[in-house]
mmCIF file of all heavy atoms, coordinates in Angstrom:
data_MODEL
# 
_entry.id   MODEL 
# 
loop_
_atom_site.group_PDB 
_atom_site.id 
_atom_site.type_symbol 
_atom_site.label_atom_id 
_atom_site.label_alt_id 
_atom_site.label_comp_id 
_atom_site.label_asym_id 
_atom_site.label_entity_id 
_atom_site.label_seq_id 
_atom_site.pdbx_PDB_ins_code 
_atom_site.Cartn_x 
_atom_site.Cartn_y 
_atom_site.Cartn_z 
_atom_site.occupancy 
_atom_site.B_iso_or_equiv 
_atom_site.pdbx_formal_charge 
_atom_site.auth_seq_id 
_atom_site.auth_comp_id 
_atom_site.auth_asym_id 
_atom_site.auth_atom_id 
_atom_site.pdbx_PDB_model_num 
ATOM 1   N N   . GLN A 1 1  ? -27.809 23.281 240.578 1.00 0.00 ? 1  GLN A N   1 
ATOM 2   C CA  . GLN A 1 1  ? -28.355 22.242 241.434 1.00 0.00 ? 1  GLN A CA  1 
ATOM 3   C C   . GLN A 1 1  ? -27.271 21.280 241.885 1.00 0.00 ? 1  GLN A C   1 
ATOM 4   O O   . GLN A 1 1  ? -27.163 20.917 243.062 1.00 0.00 ? 1  GLN A O   1 
ATOM 5   C CB  . GLN A 1 1  ? -29.454 21.496 240.716 1.00 0.00 ? 1  GLN A CB  1 
ATOM 6   C CG  . GLN A 1 1  ? -30.730 22.319 240.438 1.00 0.00 ? 1  GLN A CG  1 
ATOM 7   C CD  . GLN A 1 1  ? -31.736 21.545 239.617 1.00 0.00 ? 1  GLN A CD  1 
ATOM 8   O OE1 . GLN A 1 1  ? -31.465 20.452 239.131 1.00 0.00 ? 1  GLN A OE1 1 
ATOM 9   N NE2 . GLN A 1 1  ? -32.926 22.102 239.470 1.00 0.00 ? 1  GLN A NE2 1 
ATOM 10  N N   . MET A 1 2  ? -26.414 20.882 240.936 1.00 0.00 ? 2  MET A N   1 
ATOM 11  C CA  . MET A 1 2  ? -25.365 19.918 241.269 1.00 0.00 ? 2  MET A CA  1 
ATOM 12  C C   . MET A 1 2  ? -24.290 20.521 242.182 1.00 0.00 ? 2  MET A C   1 
ATOM 13  O O   . MET A 1 2  ? -23.722 19.814 243.016 1.00 0.00 ? 2  MET A O   1 
ATOM 14  C CB  . MET A 1 2  ? -24.703 19.374 239.973 1.00 0.00 ? 2  MET A CB  1 
ATOM 15  C CG  . MET A 1 2  ? -25.564 18.373 239.218 1.00 0.00 ? 2  MET A CG  1 
ATOM 16  S SD  . MET A 1 2  ? -25.933 16.917 240.259 1.00 0.00 ? 2  MET A SD  1 
ATOM 17  C CE  . MET A 1 2  ? -24.307 16.271 240.595 1.00 0.00 ? 2  MET A CE  1 
ATOM 18  N N   . ARG A 1 3  ? -24.016 21.844 242.041 1.00 0.00 ? 3  ARG A N   1 
ATOM 19  C CA  . ARG A 1 3  ? -23.095 22.479 242.955 1.00 0.00 ? 3  ARG A CA  1 
ATOM 20  C C   . ARG A 1 3  ? -23.575 22.360 244.381 1.00 0.00 ? 3  ARG A C   1 
ATOM 21  O O   . ARG A 1 3  ? -22.861 22.064 245.301 1.00 0.00 ? 3  ARG A O   1 
ATOM 22  C CB  . ARG A 1 3  ? -22.939 23.951 242.606 1.00 0.00 ? 3  ARG A CB  1 
ATOM 23  C CG  . ARG A 1 3  ? -21.971 24.253 241.505 1.00 0.00 ? 3  ARG A CG  1 
ATOM 24  C CD  . ARG A 1 3  ? -21.372 25.650 241.619 1.00 0.00 ? 3  ARG A CD  1 
ATOM 25  N NE  . ARG A 1 3  ? -22.378 26.690 241.779 1.00 0.00 ? 3  ARG A NE  1 
ATOM 26  C CZ  . ARG A 1 3  ? -22.942 27.364 240.785 1.00 0.00 ? 3  ARG A CZ  1 
ATOM 27  N NH1 . ARG A 1 3  ? -22.608 27.106 239.558 1.00 0.00 ? 3  ARG A NH1 1 
ATOM 28  N NH2 . ARG A 1 3  ? -23.863 28.301 241.032 1.00 0.00 ? 3  ARG A NH2 1 
ATOM 29  N N   . THR A 1 4  ? -24.906 22.580 244.532 1.00 0.00 ? 4  THR A N   1 
ATOM 30  C CA  . THR A 1 4  ? -25.507 22.441 245.870 1.00 0.00 ? 4  THR A CA  1 
ATOM 31  C C   . THR A 1 4  ? -25.390 21.025 246.417 1.00 0.00 ? 4  THR A C   1 
ATOM 32  O O   . THR A 1 4  ? -25.083 20.797 247.565 1.00 0.00 ? 4  THR A O   1 
ATOM 33  C CB  . THR A 1 4  ? -26.999 22.846 245.830 1.00 0.00 ? 4  THR A CB  1 
ATOM 34  O OG1 . THR A 1 4  ? -27.102 24.190 245.326 1.00 0.00 ? 4  THR A OG1 1 
ATOM 35  C CG2 . THR A 1 4  ? -27.627 22.781 247.220 1.00 0.00 ? 4  THR A CG2 1 
ATOM 36  N N   . GLU A 1 5  ? -25.603 20.030 245.515 1.00 0.00 ? 5  GLU A N   1 
ATOM 37  C CA  . GLU A 1 5  ? -25.504 18.639 245.909 1.00 0.00 ? 5  GLU A CA  1 
ATOM 38  C C   . GLU A 1 5  ? -24.089 18.270 246.340 1.00 0.00 ? 5  GLU A C   1 
ATOM 39  O O   . GLU A 1 5  ? -23.884 17.507 247.307 1.00 0.00 ? 5  GLU A O   1 
ATOM 40  C CB  . GLU A 1 5  ? -25.956 17.723 244.765 1.00 0.00 ? 5  GLU A CB  1 
ATOM 41  C CG  . GLU A 1 5  ? -27.427 17.834 244.384 1.00 0.00 ? 5  GLU A CG  1 
ATOM 42  C CD  . GLU A 1 5  ? -28.334 17.515 245.570 1.00 0.00 ? 5  GLU A CD  1 
ATOM 43  O OE1 . GLU A 1 5  ? -28.034 16.583 246.311 1.00 0.00 ? 5  GLU A OE1 1 
ATOM 44  O OE2 . GLU A 1 5  ? -29.357 18.207 245.722 1.00 0.00 ? 5  GLU A OE2 1 
ATOM 45  N N   . ILE A 1 6  ? -23.081 18.799 245.633 1.00 0.00 ? 6  ILE A N   1 
ATOM 46  C CA  . ILE A 1 6  ? -21.700 18.516 245.995 1.00 0.00 ? 6  ILE A CA  1 
ATOM 47  C C   . ILE A 1 6  ? -21.339 19.135 247.301 1.00 0.00 ? 6  ILE A C   1 
ATOM 48  O O   . ILE A 1 6  ? -20.609 18.534 248.121 1.00 0.00 ? 6  ILE A O   1 
ATOM 49  C CB  . ILE A 1 6  ? -20.762 19.016 244.843 1.00 0.00 ? 6  ILE A CB  1 
ATOM 50  C CG1 . ILE A 1 6  ? -20.957 18.131 243.612 1.00 0.00 ? 6  ILE A CG1 1 
ATOM 51  C CG2 . ILE A 1 6  ? -19.264 18.944 245.304 1.00 0.00 ? 6  ILE A CG2 1 
ATOM 52  C CD1 . ILE A 1 6  ? -20.202 18.650 242.377 1.00 0.00 ? 6  ILE A CD1 1 
ATOM 53  N N   . ILE A 1 7  ? -21.838 20.337 247.600 1.00 0.00 ? 7  ILE A N   1 
ATOM 54  C CA  . ILE A 1 7  ? -21.606 20.980 248.898 1.00 0.00 ? 7  ILE A CA  1 
ATOM 55  C C   . ILE A 1 7  ? -22.202 20.126 250.008 1.00 0.00 ? 7  ILE A C   1 
ATOM 56  O O   . ILE A 1 7  ? -21.558 19.898 251.053 1.00 0.00 ? 7  ILE A O   1 
ATOM 57  C CB  . ILE A 1 7  ? -22.223 22.398 248.916 1.00 0.00 ? 7  ILE A CB  1 
ATOM 58  C CG1 . ILE A 1 7  ? -21.446 23.329 247.983 1.00 0.00 ? 7  ILE A CG1 1 
ATOM 59  C CG2 . ILE A 1 7  ? -22.179 22.963 250.351 1.00 0.00 ? 7  ILE A CG2 1 
ATOM 60  C CD1 . ILE A 1 7  ? -22.073 24.677 247.774 1.00 0.00 ? 7  ILE A CD1 1 
ATOM 61  N N   . LYS A 1 8  ? -23.407 19.590 249.812 1.00 0.00 ? 8  LYS A N   1 
ATOM 62  C CA  . LYS A 1 8  ? -24.033 18.724 250.793 1.00 0.00 ? 8  LYS A CA  1 
ATOM 63  C C   . LYS A 1 8  ? -23.228 17.449 250.952 1.00 0.00 ? 8  LYS A C   1 
ATOM 64  O O   . LYS A 1 8  ? -23.029 16.937 252.075 1.00 0.00 ? 8  LYS A O   1 
ATOM 65  C CB  . LYS A 1 8  ? -25.470 18.404 250.400 1.00 0.00 ? 8  LYS A CB  1 
ATOM 66  C CG  . LYS A 1 8  ? -26.422 19.573 250.414 1.00 0.00 ? 8  LYS A CG  1 
ATOM 67  C CD  . LYS A 1 8  ? -27.805 19.117 249.913 1.00 0.00 ? 8  LYS A CD  1 
ATOM 68  C CE  . LYS A 1 8  ? -28.826 20.251 249.881 1.00 0.00 ? 8  LYS A CE  1 
ATOM 69  N NZ  . LYS A 1 8  ? -30.125 19.834 249.339 1.00 0.00 ? 8  LYS A NZ  1 
ATOM 70  N N   . LEU A 1 9  ? -22.764 16.912 249.836 1.00 0.00 ? 9  LEU A N   1 
ATOM 71  C CA  . LEU A 1 9  ? -22.041 15.632 249.857 1.00 0.00 ? 9  LEU A CA  1 
ATOM 72  C C   . LEU A 1 9  ? -20.786 15.728 250.666 1.00 0.00 ? 9  LEU A C   1 
ATOM 73  O O   . LEU A 1 9  ? -20.446 14.823 251.449 1.00 0.00 ? 9  LEU A O   1 
ATOM 74  C CB  . LEU A 1 9  ? -21.713 15.209 248.417 1.00 0.00 ? 9  LEU A CB  1 
ATOM 75  C CG  . LEU A 1 9  ? -20.852 13.970 248.232 1.00 0.00 ? 9  LEU A CG  1 
ATOM 76  C CD1 . LEU A 1 9  ? -21.606 12.757 248.718 1.00 0.00 ? 9  LEU A CD1 1 
ATOM 77  C CD2 . LEU A 1 9  ? -20.422 13.787 246.772 1.00 0.00 ? 9  LEU A CD2 1 
ATOM 78  N N   . ARG A 1 10 ? -20.004 16.808 250.514 1.00 0.00 ? 10 ARG A N   1 
ATOM 79  C CA  . ARG A 1 10 ? -18.717 16.889 251.203 1.00 0.00 ? 10 ARG A CA  1 
ATOM 80  C C   . ARG A 1 10 ? -18.871 16.915 252.713 1.00 0.00 ? 10 ARG A C   1 
ATOM 81  O O   . ARG A 1 10 ? -17.967 16.564 253.447 1.00 0.00 ? 10 ARG A O   1 
ATOM 82  C CB  . ARG A 1 10 ? -17.899 18.080 250.710 1.00 0.00 ? 10 ARG A CB  1 
ATOM 83  C CG  . ARG A 1 10 ? -18.396 19.483 251.014 1.00 0.00 ? 10 ARG A CG  1 
ATOM 84  C CD  . ARG A 1 10 ? -18.060 20.039 252.346 1.00 0.00 ? 10 ARG A CD  1 
ATOM 85  N NE  . ARG A 1 10 ? -16.715 19.870 252.789 1.00 0.00 ? 10 ARG A NE  1 
ATOM 86  C CZ  . ARG A 1 10 ? -15.790 20.806 252.709 1.00 0.00 ? 10 ARG A CZ  1 
ATOM 87  N NH1 . ARG A 1 10 ? -16.068 21.972 252.198 1.00 0.00 ? 10 ARG A NH1 1 
ATOM 88  N NH2 . ARG A 1 10 ? -14.573 20.601 253.185 1.00 0.00 ? 10 ARG A NH2 1 
ATOM 89  N N   . HIS A 1 11 ? -20.042 17.299 253.201 1.00 0.00 ? 11 HIS A N   1 
ATOM 90  C CA  . HIS A 1 11 ? -20.274 17.300 254.648 1.00 0.00 ? 11 HIS A CA  1 
ATOM 91  C C   . HIS A 1 11 ? -20.768 15.943 255.150 1.00 0.00 ? 11 HIS A C   1 
ATOM 92  O O   . HIS A 1 11 ? -20.862 15.728 256.366 1.00 0.00 ? 11 HIS A O   1 
ATOM 93  C CB  . HIS A 1 11 ? -21.302 18.379 255.024 1.00 0.00 ? 11 HIS A CB  1 
ATOM 94  C CG  . HIS A 1 11 ? -20.804 19.785 254.804 1.00 0.00 ? 11 HIS A CG  1 
ATOM 95  N ND1 . HIS A 1 11 ? -19.716 20.272 255.493 1.00 0.00 ? 11 HIS A ND1 1 
ATOM 96  C CD2 . HIS A 1 11 ? -21.210 20.767 253.975 1.00 0.00 ? 11 HIS A CD2 1 
ATOM 97  C CE1 . HIS A 1 11 ? -19.519 21.524 255.129 1.00 0.00 ? 11 HIS A CE1 1 
ATOM 98  N NE2 . HIS A 1 11 ? -20.360 21.856 254.200 1.00 0.00 ? 11 HIS A NE2 1 
ATOM 99  N N   . ARG A 1 12 ? -21.082 15.057 254.210 1.00 0.00 ? 12 ARG A N   1 
ATOM 100 C CA  . ARG A 1 12 ? -21.622 13.732 254.615 1.00 0.00 ? 12 ARG A CA  1 
ATOM 101 C C   . ARG A 1 12 ? -20.614 12.612 254.459 1.00 0.00 ? 12 ARG A C   1 
ATOM 102 O O   . ARG A 1 12 ? -20.851 11.524 254.964 1.00 0.00 ? 12 ARG A O   1 
ATOM 103 C CB  . ARG A 1 12 ? -22.882 13.448 253.793 1.00 0.00 ? 12 ARG A CB  1 
ATOM 104 C CG  . ARG A 1 12 ? -24.033 14.412 254.005 1.00 0.00 ? 12 ARG A CG  1 
ATOM 105 C CD  . ARG A 1 12 ? -25.290 13.983 253.350 1.00 0.00 ? 12 ARG A CD  1 
ATOM 106 N NE  . ARG A 1 12 ? -25.859 12.755 253.911 1.00 0.00 ? 12 ARG A NE  1 
ATOM 107 C CZ  . ARG A 1 12 ? -27.019 12.243 253.545 1.00 0.00 ? 12 ARG A CZ  1 
ATOM 108 N NH1 . ARG A 1 12 ? -27.748 12.851 252.595 1.00 0.00 ? 12 ARG A NH1 1 
ATOM 109 N NH2 . ARG A 1 12 ? -27.452 11.126 254.104 1.00 0.00 ? 12 ARG A NH2 1 
ATOM 110 N N   . ILE A 1 13 ? -19.524 12.865 253.777 1.00 0.00 ? 13 ILE A N   1 
ATOM 111 C CA  . ILE A 1 13 ? -18.502 11.782 253.598 1.00 0.00 ? 13 ILE A CA  1 
ATOM 112 C C   . ILE A 1 13 ? -17.165 12.308 254.109 1.00 0.00 ? 13 ILE A C   1 
ATOM 113 O O   . ILE A 1 13 ? -16.843 13.481 253.991 1.00 0.00 ? 13 ILE A O   1 
ATOM 114 C CB  . ILE A 1 13 ? -18.420 11.302 252.161 1.00 0.00 ? 13 ILE A CB  1 
ATOM 115 C CG1 . ILE A 1 13 ? -17.912 12.424 251.211 1.00 0.00 ? 13 ILE A CG1 1 
ATOM 116 C CG2 . ILE A 1 13 ? -19.718 10.756 251.658 1.00 0.00 ? 13 ILE A CG2 1 
ATOM 117 C CD1 . ILE A 1 13 ? -17.683 11.953 249.771 1.00 0.00 ? 13 ILE A CD1 1 
ATOM 118 N N   . ASN A 1 14 ? -16.396 11.454 254.690 1.00 0.00 ? 14 ASN A N   1 
ATOM 119 C CA  . ASN A 1 14 ? -15.107 11.794 255.261 1.00 0.00 ? 14 ASN A CA  1 
ATOM 120 C C   . ASN A 1 14 ? -13.987 11.568 254.294 1.00 0.00 ? 14 ASN A C   1 
ATOM 121 O O   . ASN A 1 14 ? -13.305 10.560 254.283 1.00 0.00 ? 14 ASN A O   1 
ATOM 122 C CB  . ASN A 1 14 ? -14.863 10.981 256.555 1.00 0.00 ? 14 ASN A CB  1 
ATOM 123 C CG  . ASN A 1 14 ? -15.884 11.284 257.660 1.00 0.00 ? 14 ASN A CG  1 
ATOM 124 O OD1 . ASN A 1 14 ? -16.232 12.443 257.827 1.00 0.00 ? 14 ASN A OD1 1 
ATOM 125 N ND2 . ASN A 1 14 ? -16.295 10.269 258.361 1.00 0.00 ? 14 ASN A ND2 1 
ATOM 126 N N   . THR A 1 15 ? -13.798 12.551 253.396 1.00 0.00 ? 15 THR A N   1 
ATOM 127 C CA  . THR A 1 15 ? -12.760 12.425 252.403 1.00 0.00 ? 15 THR A CA  1 
ATOM 128 C C   . THR A 1 15 ? -12.252 13.793 252.051 1.00 0.00 ? 15 THR A C   1 
ATOM 129 O O   . THR A 1 15 ? -12.856 14.840 252.345 1.00 0.00 ? 15 THR A O   1 
ATOM 130 C CB  . THR A 1 15 ? -13.271 11.688 251.157 1.00 0.00 ? 15 THR A CB  1 
ATOM 131 O OG1 . THR A 1 15 ? -12.160 11.361 250.322 1.00 0.00 ? 15 THR A OG1 1 
ATOM 132 C CG2 . THR A 1 15 ? -14.220 12.539 250.378 1.00 0.00 ? 15 THR A CG2 1 
ATOM 133 N N   . THR A 1 16 ? -11.085 13.841 251.405 1.00 0.00 ? 16 THR A N   1 
ATOM 134 C CA  . THR A 1 16 ? -10.493 15.055 250.932 1.00 0.00 ? 16 THR A CA  1 
ATOM 135 C C   . THR A 1 16 ? -10.838 15.249 249.461 1.00 0.00 ? 16 THR A C   1 
ATOM 136 O O   . THR A 1 16 ? -10.750 14.310 248.683 1.00 0.00 ? 16 THR A O   1 
ATOM 137 C CB  . THR A 1 16 ? -8.941  14.996 251.083 1.00 0.00 ? 16 THR A CB  1 
ATOM 138 O OG1 . THR A 1 16 ? -8.612  14.760 252.437 1.00 0.00 ? 16 THR A OG1 1 
ATOM 139 C CG2 . THR A 1 16 ? -8.272  16.252 250.619 1.00 0.00 ? 16 THR A CG2 1 
ATOM 140 N N   . PHE A 1 17 ? -11.269 16.439 249.115 1.00 0.00 ? 17 PHE A N   1 
ATOM 141 C CA  . PHE A 1 17 ? -11.730 16.746 247.734 1.00 0.00 ? 17 PHE A CA  1 
ATOM 142 C C   . PHE A 1 17 ? -10.658 17.591 247.010 1.00 0.00 ? 17 PHE A C   1 
ATOM 143 O O   . PHE A 1 17 ? -10.169 18.581 247.579 1.00 0.00 ? 17 PHE A O   1 
ATOM 144 C CB  . PHE A 1 17 ? -13.029 17.532 247.740 1.00 0.00 ? 17 PHE A CB  1 
ATOM 145 C CG  . PHE A 1 17 ? -14.242 16.715 248.010 1.00 0.00 ? 17 PHE A CG  1 
ATOM 146 C CD1 . PHE A 1 17 ? -14.527 16.277 249.307 1.00 0.00 ? 17 PHE A CD1 1 
ATOM 147 C CD2 . PHE A 1 17 ? -15.144 16.404 246.981 1.00 0.00 ? 17 PHE A CD2 1 
ATOM 148 C CE1 . PHE A 1 17 ? -15.685 15.546 249.572 1.00 0.00 ? 17 PHE A CE1 1 
ATOM 149 C CE2 . PHE A 1 17 ? -16.294 15.672 247.238 1.00 0.00 ? 17 PHE A CE2 1 
ATOM 150 C CZ  . PHE A 1 17 ? -16.568 15.231 248.542 1.00 0.00 ? 17 PHE A CZ  1 
ATOM 151 N N   . ILE A 1 18 ? -10.357 17.215 245.788 1.00 0.00 ? 18 ILE A N   1 
ATOM 152 C CA  . ILE A 1 18 ? -9.593  18.062 244.891 1.00 0.00 ? 18 ILE A CA  1 
ATOM 153 C C   . ILE A 1 18 ? -10.433 18.195 243.617 1.00 0.00 ? 18 ILE A C   1 
ATOM 154 O O   . ILE A 1 18 ? -10.684 17.197 242.926 1.00 0.00 ? 18 ILE A O   1 
ATOM 155 C CB  . ILE A 1 18 ? -8.197  17.509 244.565 1.00 0.00 ? 18 ILE A CB  1 
ATOM 156 C CG1 . ILE A 1 18 ? -7.434  17.199 245.848 1.00 0.00 ? 18 ILE A CG1 1 
ATOM 157 C CG2 . ILE A 1 18 ? -7.416  18.503 243.692 1.00 0.00 ? 18 ILE A CG2 1 
ATOM 158 C CD1 . ILE A 1 18 ? -6.052  16.603 245.584 1.00 0.00 ? 18 ILE A CD1 1 
ATOM 159 N N   . TYR A 1 19 ? -10.828 19.409 243.308 1.00 0.00 ? 19 TYR A N   1 
ATOM 160 C CA  . TYR A 1 19 ? -11.807 19.675 242.270 1.00 0.00 ? 19 TYR A CA  1 
ATOM 161 C C   . TYR A 1 19 ? -11.211 20.610 241.245 1.00 0.00 ? 19 TYR A C   1 
ATOM 162 O O   . TYR A 1 19 ? -10.632 21.621 241.587 1.00 0.00 ? 19 TYR A O   1 
ATOM 163 C CB  . TYR A 1 19 ? -13.029 20.316 242.940 1.00 0.00 ? 19 TYR A CB  1 
ATOM 164 C CG  . TYR A 1 19 ? -14.260 20.515 242.073 1.00 0.00 ? 19 TYR A CG  1 
ATOM 165 C CD1 . TYR A 1 19 ? -15.377 19.693 242.228 1.00 0.00 ? 19 TYR A CD1 1 
ATOM 166 C CD2 . TYR A 1 19 ? -14.363 21.563 241.170 1.00 0.00 ? 19 TYR A CD2 1 
ATOM 167 C CE1 . TYR A 1 19 ? -16.520 19.842 241.464 1.00 0.00 ? 19 TYR A CE1 1 
ATOM 168 C CE2 . TYR A 1 19 ? -15.508 21.755 240.422 1.00 0.00 ? 19 TYR A CE2 1 
ATOM 169 C CZ  . TYR A 1 19 ? -16.561 20.914 240.546 1.00 0.00 ? 19 TYR A CZ  1 
ATOM 170 O OH  . TYR A 1 19 ? -17.711 21.096 239.814 1.00 0.00 ? 19 TYR A OH  1 
ATOM 171 N N   . VAL A 1 20 ? -11.339 20.256 239.965 1.00 0.00 ? 20 VAL A N   1 
ATOM 172 C CA  . VAL A 1 20 ? -10.794 21.074 238.882 1.00 0.00 ? 20 VAL A CA  1 
ATOM 173 C C   . VAL A 1 20 ? -11.952 21.712 238.094 1.00 0.00 ? 20 VAL A C   1 
ATOM 174 O O   . VAL A 1 20 ? -12.937 21.039 237.783 1.00 0.00 ? 20 VAL A O   1 
ATOM 175 C CB  . VAL A 1 20 ? -9.939  20.221 237.954 1.00 0.00 ? 20 VAL A CB  1 
ATOM 176 C CG1 . VAL A 1 20 ? -9.770  20.904 236.578 1.00 0.00 ? 20 VAL A CG1 1 
ATOM 177 C CG2 . VAL A 1 20 ? -8.538  20.017 238.538 1.00 0.00 ? 20 VAL A CG2 1 
ATOM 178 N N   . THR A 1 21 ? -11.830 23.000 237.786 1.00 0.00 ? 21 THR A N   1 
ATOM 179 C CA  . THR A 1 21 ? -12.830 23.674 236.980 1.00 0.00 ? 21 THR A CA  1 
ATOM 180 C C   . THR A 1 21 ? -12.217 24.908 236.324 1.00 0.00 ? 21 THR A C   1 
ATOM 181 O O   . THR A 1 21 ? -11.222 25.445 236.805 1.00 0.00 ? 21 THR A O   1 
ATOM 182 C CB  . THR A 1 21 ? -14.039 24.102 237.859 1.00 0.00 ? 21 THR A CB  1 
ATOM 183 O OG1 . THR A 1 21 ? -15.021 24.754 237.017 1.00 0.00 ? 21 THR A OG1 1 
ATOM 184 C CG2 . THR A 1 21 ? -13.617 25.099 238.947 1.00 0.00 ? 21 THR A CG2 1 
ATOM 185 N N   . HIS A 1 22 ? -12.828 25.324 235.237 1.00 0.00 ? 22 HIS A N   1 
ATOM 186 C CA  . HIS A 1 22 ? -12.437 26.638 234.643 1.00 0.00 ? 22 HIS A CA  1 
ATOM 187 C C   . HIS A 1 22 ? -13.470 27.685 234.989 1.00 0.00 ? 22 HIS A C   1 
ATOM 188 O O   . HIS A 1 22 ? -13.311 28.843 234.666 1.00 0.00 ? 22 HIS A O   1 
ATOM 189 C CB  . HIS A 1 22 ? -12.368 26.499 233.090 1.00 0.00 ? 22 HIS A CB  1 
ATOM 190 C CG  . HIS A 1 22 ? -13.658 26.186 232.449 1.00 0.00 ? 22 HIS A CG  1 
ATOM 191 N ND1 . HIS A 1 22 ? -14.143 24.913 232.310 1.00 0.00 ? 22 HIS A ND1 1 
ATOM 192 C CD2 . HIS A 1 22 ? -14.639 27.001 231.963 1.00 0.00 ? 22 HIS A CD2 1 
ATOM 193 C CE1 . HIS A 1 22 ? -15.349 24.964 231.716 1.00 0.00 ? 22 HIS A CE1 1 
ATOM 194 N NE2 . HIS A 1 22 ? -15.658 26.186 231.511 1.00 0.00 ? 22 HIS A NE2 1 
ATOM 195 N N   . ASP A 1 23 ? -14.520 27.273 235.707 1.00 0.00 ? 23 ASP A N   1 
ATOM 196 C CA  . ASP A 1 23 ? -15.625 28.147 236.052 1.00 0.00 ? 23 ASP A CA  1 
ATOM 197 C C   . ASP A 1 23 ? -15.352 28.745 237.437 1.00 0.00 ? 23 ASP A C   1 
ATOM 198 O O   . ASP A 1 23 ? -15.419 28.067 238.461 1.00 0.00 ? 23 ASP A O   1 
ATOM 199 C CB  . ASP A 1 23 ? -16.946 27.356 236.076 1.00 0.00 ? 23 ASP A CB  1 
ATOM 200 C CG  . ASP A 1 23 ? -18.149 28.228 236.321 1.00 0.00 ? 23 ASP A CG  1 
ATOM 201 O OD1 . ASP A 1 23 ? -18.022 29.306 236.925 1.00 0.00 ? 23 ASP A OD1 1 
ATOM 202 O OD2 . ASP A 1 23 ? -19.273 27.831 235.942 1.00 0.00 ? 23 ASP A OD2 1 
ATOM 203 N N   . GLN A 1 24 ? -15.065 30.045 237.488 1.00 0.00 ? 24 GLN A N   1 
ATOM 204 C CA  . GLN A 1 24 ? -14.697 30.644 238.786 1.00 0.00 ? 24 GLN A CA  1 
ATOM 205 C C   . GLN A 1 24 ? -15.883 30.721 239.733 1.00 0.00 ? 24 GLN A C   1 
ATOM 206 O O   . GLN A 1 24 ? -15.722 30.793 240.945 1.00 0.00 ? 24 GLN A O   1 
ATOM 207 C CB  . GLN A 1 24 ? -14.080 32.045 238.562 1.00 0.00 ? 24 GLN A CB  1 
ATOM 208 C CG  . GLN A 1 24 ? -14.907 32.990 237.782 1.00 0.00 ? 24 GLN A CG  1 
ATOM 209 C CD  . GLN A 1 24 ? -15.493 34.096 238.615 1.00 0.00 ? 24 GLN A CD  1 
ATOM 210 O OE1 . GLN A 1 24 ? -15.335 34.090 239.845 1.00 0.00 ? 24 GLN A OE1 1 
ATOM 211 N NE2 . GLN A 1 24 ? -16.123 35.023 238.004 1.00 0.00 ? 24 GLN A NE2 1 
ATOM 212 N N   . THR A 1 25 ? -17.136 30.684 239.207 1.00 0.00 ? 25 THR A N   1 
ATOM 213 C CA  . THR A 1 25 ? -18.292 30.619 240.090 1.00 0.00 ? 25 THR A CA  1 
ATOM 214 C C   . THR A 1 25 ? -18.284 29.332 240.896 1.00 0.00 ? 25 THR A C   1 
ATOM 215 O O   . THR A 1 25 ? -18.573 29.300 242.096 1.00 0.00 ? 25 THR A O   1 
ATOM 216 C CB  . THR A 1 25 ? -19.593 30.750 239.284 1.00 0.00 ? 25 THR A CB  1 
ATOM 217 O OG1 . THR A 1 25 ? -19.595 31.986 238.558 1.00 0.00 ? 25 THR A OG1 1 
ATOM 218 C CG2 . THR A 1 25 ? -20.825 30.707 240.217 1.00 0.00 ? 25 THR A CG2 1 
ATOM 219 N N   . GLU A 1 26 ? -18.001 28.205 240.225 1.00 0.00 ? 26 GLU A N   1 
ATOM 220 C CA  . GLU A 1 26 ? -17.869 26.935 240.919 1.00 0.00 ? 26 GLU A CA  1 
ATOM 221 C C   . GLU A 1 26 ? -16.770 26.970 241.961 1.00 0.00 ? 26 GLU A C   1 
ATOM 222 O O   . GLU A 1 26 ? -16.912 26.519 243.094 1.00 0.00 ? 26 GLU A O   1 
ATOM 223 C CB  . GLU A 1 26 ? -17.571 25.806 239.935 1.00 0.00 ? 26 GLU A CB  1 
ATOM 224 C CG  . GLU A 1 26 ? -18.740 25.354 239.071 1.00 0.00 ? 26 GLU A CG  1 
ATOM 225 C CD  . GLU A 1 26 ? -18.399 24.197 238.180 1.00 0.00 ? 26 GLU A CD  1 
ATOM 226 O OE1 . GLU A 1 26 ? -17.465 23.433 238.491 1.00 0.00 ? 26 GLU A OE1 1 
ATOM 227 O OE2 . GLU A 1 26 ? -19.017 24.101 237.105 1.00 0.00 ? 26 GLU A OE2 1 
ATOM 228 N N   . ALA A 1 27 ? -15.646 27.571 241.590 1.00 0.00 ? 27 ALA A N   1 
ATOM 229 C CA  . ALA A 1 27 ? -14.523 27.671 242.533 1.00 0.00 ? 27 ALA A CA  1 
ATOM 230 C C   . ALA A 1 27 ? -14.880 28.444 243.771 1.00 0.00 ? 27 ALA A C   1 
ATOM 231 O O   . ALA A 1 27 ? -14.574 28.048 244.890 1.00 0.00 ? 27 ALA A O   1 
ATOM 232 C CB  . ALA A 1 27 ? -13.314 28.306 241.828 1.00 0.00 ? 27 ALA A CB  1 
ATOM 233 N N   . MET A 1 28 ? -15.569 29.594 243.581 1.00 0.00 ? 28 MET A N   1 
ATOM 234 C CA  . MET A 1 28 ? -15.894 30.464 244.709 1.00 0.00 ? 28 MET A CA  1 
ATOM 235 C C   . MET A 1 28 ? -16.912 29.842 245.624 1.00 0.00 ? 28 MET A C   1 
ATOM 236 O O   . MET A 1 28 ? -16.864 30.033 246.832 1.00 0.00 ? 28 MET A O   1 
ATOM 237 C CB  . MET A 1 28 ? -16.400 31.806 244.187 1.00 0.00 ? 28 MET A CB  1 
ATOM 238 C CG  . MET A 1 28 ? -15.395 32.627 243.417 1.00 0.00 ? 28 MET A CG  1 
ATOM 239 S SD  . MET A 1 28 ? -14.107 33.318 244.432 1.00 0.00 ? 28 MET A SD  1 
ATOM 240 C CE  . MET A 1 28 ? -14.988 34.706 245.190 1.00 0.00 ? 28 MET A CE  1 
# 
């Protein structure tokens, strides 16, 4: 659910994202 929320968020705010994870599903 939160992955979906973050995807929506990045389209609503004008900023550059750098995201760290060990989960390749999140990365993809």
